[in-house]
Amino acid sequence: MVTAHDVTGPYDVIVQVEAESIDRMGQMVVQKMQMIEGITRTLTCPIVDLASR
């Protein structure tokens, strides 16, 4: 995990993570975050930096 922030609005927390691939990020969300008691769903929004390509 890189950062986590409590927020107001429709979401409770925004977490920024880094992973070596989109697949690994998905595994991290499913295997770790969704297994935490009280988490009923997640929304993953990958950051895509097209300017650096």
N, C-alpha and C. Protein backbone atom coordinates (compact mmCIF):
# COMPACT_ATOMS: atom_id res chain seq x y z
N MET A 1 0.86 -1.17 0.00
CA MET A 1 0.00 0.00 0.00
C MET A 1 0.90 1.23 0.00
N VAL A 2 0.53 2.21 -0.79
CA VAL A 2 1.28 3.45 -0.85
C VAL A 2 0.67 4.47 0.10
N THR A 3 -0.65 4.73 -0.03
CA THR A 3 -1.33 5.67 0.85
C THR A 3 -2.77 5.22 1.06
N ALA A 4 -3.37 5.70 2.13
CA ALA A 4 -4.79 5.46 2.39
C ALA A 4 -5.36 6.73 3.00
N HIS A 5 -6.57 7.10 2.57
CA HIS A 5 -7.19 8.33 3.05
C HIS A 5 -8.66 8.08 3.37
N ASP A 6 -9.11 8.51 4.54
CA ASP A 6 -10.53 8.54 4.85
C ASP A 6 -11.13 9.68 4.04
N VAL A 7 -12.30 9.47 3.46
CA VAL A 7 -12.93 10.49 2.64
C VAL A 7 -14.41 10.60 2.98
N THR A 8 -15.03 11.68 2.55
CA THR A 8 -16.47 11.83 2.69
C THR A 8 -17.11 11.55 1.35
N GLY A 9 -18.38 11.28 1.37
CA GLY A 9 -19.08 11.00 0.12
C GLY A 9 -19.43 9.53 0.01
N PRO A 10 -19.56 9.03 -1.21
CA PRO A 10 -20.03 7.65 -1.40
C PRO A 10 -19.01 6.58 -1.02
N TYR A 11 -17.76 6.95 -0.79
CA TYR A 11 -16.72 5.97 -0.44
C TYR A 11 -16.23 6.23 0.97
N ASP A 12 -15.74 5.19 1.62
CA ASP A 12 -15.23 5.32 2.98
C ASP A 12 -13.73 5.60 3.00
N VAL A 13 -13.01 4.95 2.10
CA VAL A 13 -11.55 5.05 2.07
C VAL A 13 -11.09 5.00 0.62
N ILE A 14 -10.06 5.76 0.32
CA ILE A 14 -9.38 5.63 -0.97
C ILE A 14 -7.96 5.16 -0.66
N VAL A 15 -7.58 4.07 -1.29
CA VAL A 15 -6.26 3.48 -1.08
C VAL A 15 -5.50 3.51 -2.40
N GLN A 16 -4.26 3.96 -2.34
CA GLN A 16 -3.40 3.94 -3.52
C GLN A 16 -2.37 2.84 -3.33
N VAL A 17 -2.30 1.93 -4.27
CA VAL A 17 -1.33 0.83 -4.21
C VAL A 17 -0.48 0.83 -5.48
N GLU A 18 0.65 0.19 -5.40
CA GLU A 18 1.49 -0.03 -6.57
C GLU A 18 1.64 -1.54 -6.75
N ALA A 19 1.63 -1.97 -7.99
CA ALA A 19 1.81 -3.38 -8.30
C ALA A 19 2.57 -3.49 -9.62
N GLU A 20 3.22 -4.62 -9.81
CA GLU A 20 4.02 -4.79 -11.02
C GLU A 20 3.17 -5.00 -12.27
N SER A 21 1.88 -5.30 -12.09
CA SER A 21 0.99 -5.48 -13.23
C SER A 21 -0.46 -5.29 -12.80
N ILE A 22 -1.33 -5.09 -13.79
CA ILE A 22 -2.77 -4.99 -13.51
C ILE A 22 -3.27 -6.30 -12.91
N ASP A 23 -2.77 -7.43 -13.41
CA ASP A 23 -3.18 -8.73 -12.87
C ASP A 23 -2.82 -8.85 -11.40
N ARG A 24 -1.62 -8.44 -11.04
CA ARG A 24 -1.18 -8.52 -9.64
C ARG A 24 -2.02 -7.59 -8.76
N MET A 25 -2.37 -6.43 -9.28
CA MET A 25 -3.21 -5.51 -8.52
C MET A 25 -4.58 -6.15 -8.26
N GLY A 26 -5.15 -6.77 -9.29
CA GLY A 26 -6.42 -7.46 -9.12
C GLY A 26 -6.35 -8.56 -8.09
N GLN A 27 -5.27 -9.33 -8.12
CA GLN A 27 -5.09 -10.39 -7.13
C GLN A 27 -5.01 -9.82 -5.72
N MET A 28 -4.30 -8.69 -5.59
CA MET A 28 -4.15 -8.05 -4.29
C MET A 28 -5.51 -7.62 -3.74
N VAL A 29 -6.34 -7.04 -4.60
CA VAL A 29 -7.65 -6.57 -4.17
C VAL A 29 -8.52 -7.76 -3.75
N VAL A 30 -8.56 -8.79 -4.57
CA VAL A 30 -9.42 -9.94 -4.28
C VAL A 30 -8.90 -10.75 -3.10
N GLN A 31 -7.62 -11.02 -3.06
CA GLN A 31 -7.07 -11.90 -2.03
C GLN A 31 -6.87 -11.22 -0.68
N LYS A 32 -6.65 -9.93 -0.67
CA LYS A 32 -6.35 -9.26 0.60
C LYS A 32 -7.45 -8.31 1.04
N MET A 33 -7.78 -7.33 0.22
CA MET A 33 -8.72 -6.30 0.65
C MET A 33 -10.13 -6.84 0.84
N GLN A 34 -10.61 -7.65 -0.10
CA GLN A 34 -11.98 -8.14 0.00
C GLN A 34 -12.15 -9.20 1.10
N MET A 35 -11.07 -9.67 1.67
CA MET A 35 -11.15 -10.64 2.76
C MET A 35 -11.25 -9.96 4.13
N ILE A 36 -11.11 -8.65 4.18
CA ILE A 36 -11.18 -7.91 5.44
C ILE A 36 -12.64 -7.83 5.87
N GLU A 37 -12.91 -8.20 7.11
CA GLU A 37 -14.27 -8.16 7.63
C GLU A 37 -14.86 -6.76 7.50
N GLY A 38 -16.06 -6.67 6.99
CA GLY A 38 -16.74 -5.39 6.84
C GLY A 38 -16.66 -4.83 5.43
N ILE A 39 -15.69 -5.28 4.64
CA ILE A 39 -15.61 -4.82 3.25
C ILE A 39 -16.56 -5.67 2.42
N THR A 40 -17.55 -5.04 1.85
CA THR A 40 -18.55 -5.77 1.08
C THR A 40 -18.35 -5.62 -0.43
N ARG A 41 -17.65 -4.56 -0.83
CA ARG A 41 -17.33 -4.39 -2.26
C ARG A 41 -16.20 -3.38 -2.40
N THR A 42 -15.55 -3.45 -3.53
CA THR A 42 -14.47 -2.52 -3.84
C THR A 42 -14.66 -1.98 -5.26
N LEU A 43 -14.03 -0.87 -5.53
CA LEU A 43 -14.02 -0.29 -6.87
C LEU A 43 -12.57 0.01 -7.19
N THR A 44 -12.05 -0.59 -8.25
CA THR A 44 -10.66 -0.41 -8.63
C THR A 44 -10.59 0.50 -9.85
N CYS A 45 -9.82 1.56 -9.74
CA CYS A 45 -9.64 2.53 -10.83
C CYS A 45 -8.14 2.69 -11.08
N PRO A 46 -7.59 1.93 -12.02
CA PRO A 46 -6.15 2.04 -12.30
C PRO A 46 -5.80 3.42 -12.84
N ILE A 47 -4.65 3.93 -12.42
CA ILE A 47 -4.13 5.19 -12.96
C ILE A 47 -3.30 4.85 -14.18
N VAL A 48 -3.64 5.47 -15.30
CA VAL A 48 -2.94 5.22 -16.55
C VAL A 48 -2.23 6.51 -16.95
N ASP A 49 -0.92 6.47 -17.04
CA ASP A 49 -0.14 7.64 -17.40
C ASP A 49 0.28 7.51 -18.86
N LEU A 50 -0.52 8.01 -19.76
CA LEU A 50 -0.23 7.90 -21.19
C LEU A 50 0.84 8.91 -21.64
N ALA A 51 1.03 9.96 -20.90
CA ALA A 51 1.99 11.00 -21.28
C ALA A 51 3.43 10.49 -21.26
N SER A 52 3.72 9.52 -20.42
CA SER A 52 5.10 9.05 -20.29
C SER A 52 5.48 8.01 -21.35
N ARG A 53 4.55 7.65 -22.22
CA ARG A 53 4.84 6.61 -23.21
C ARG A 53 5.31 7.18 -24.50
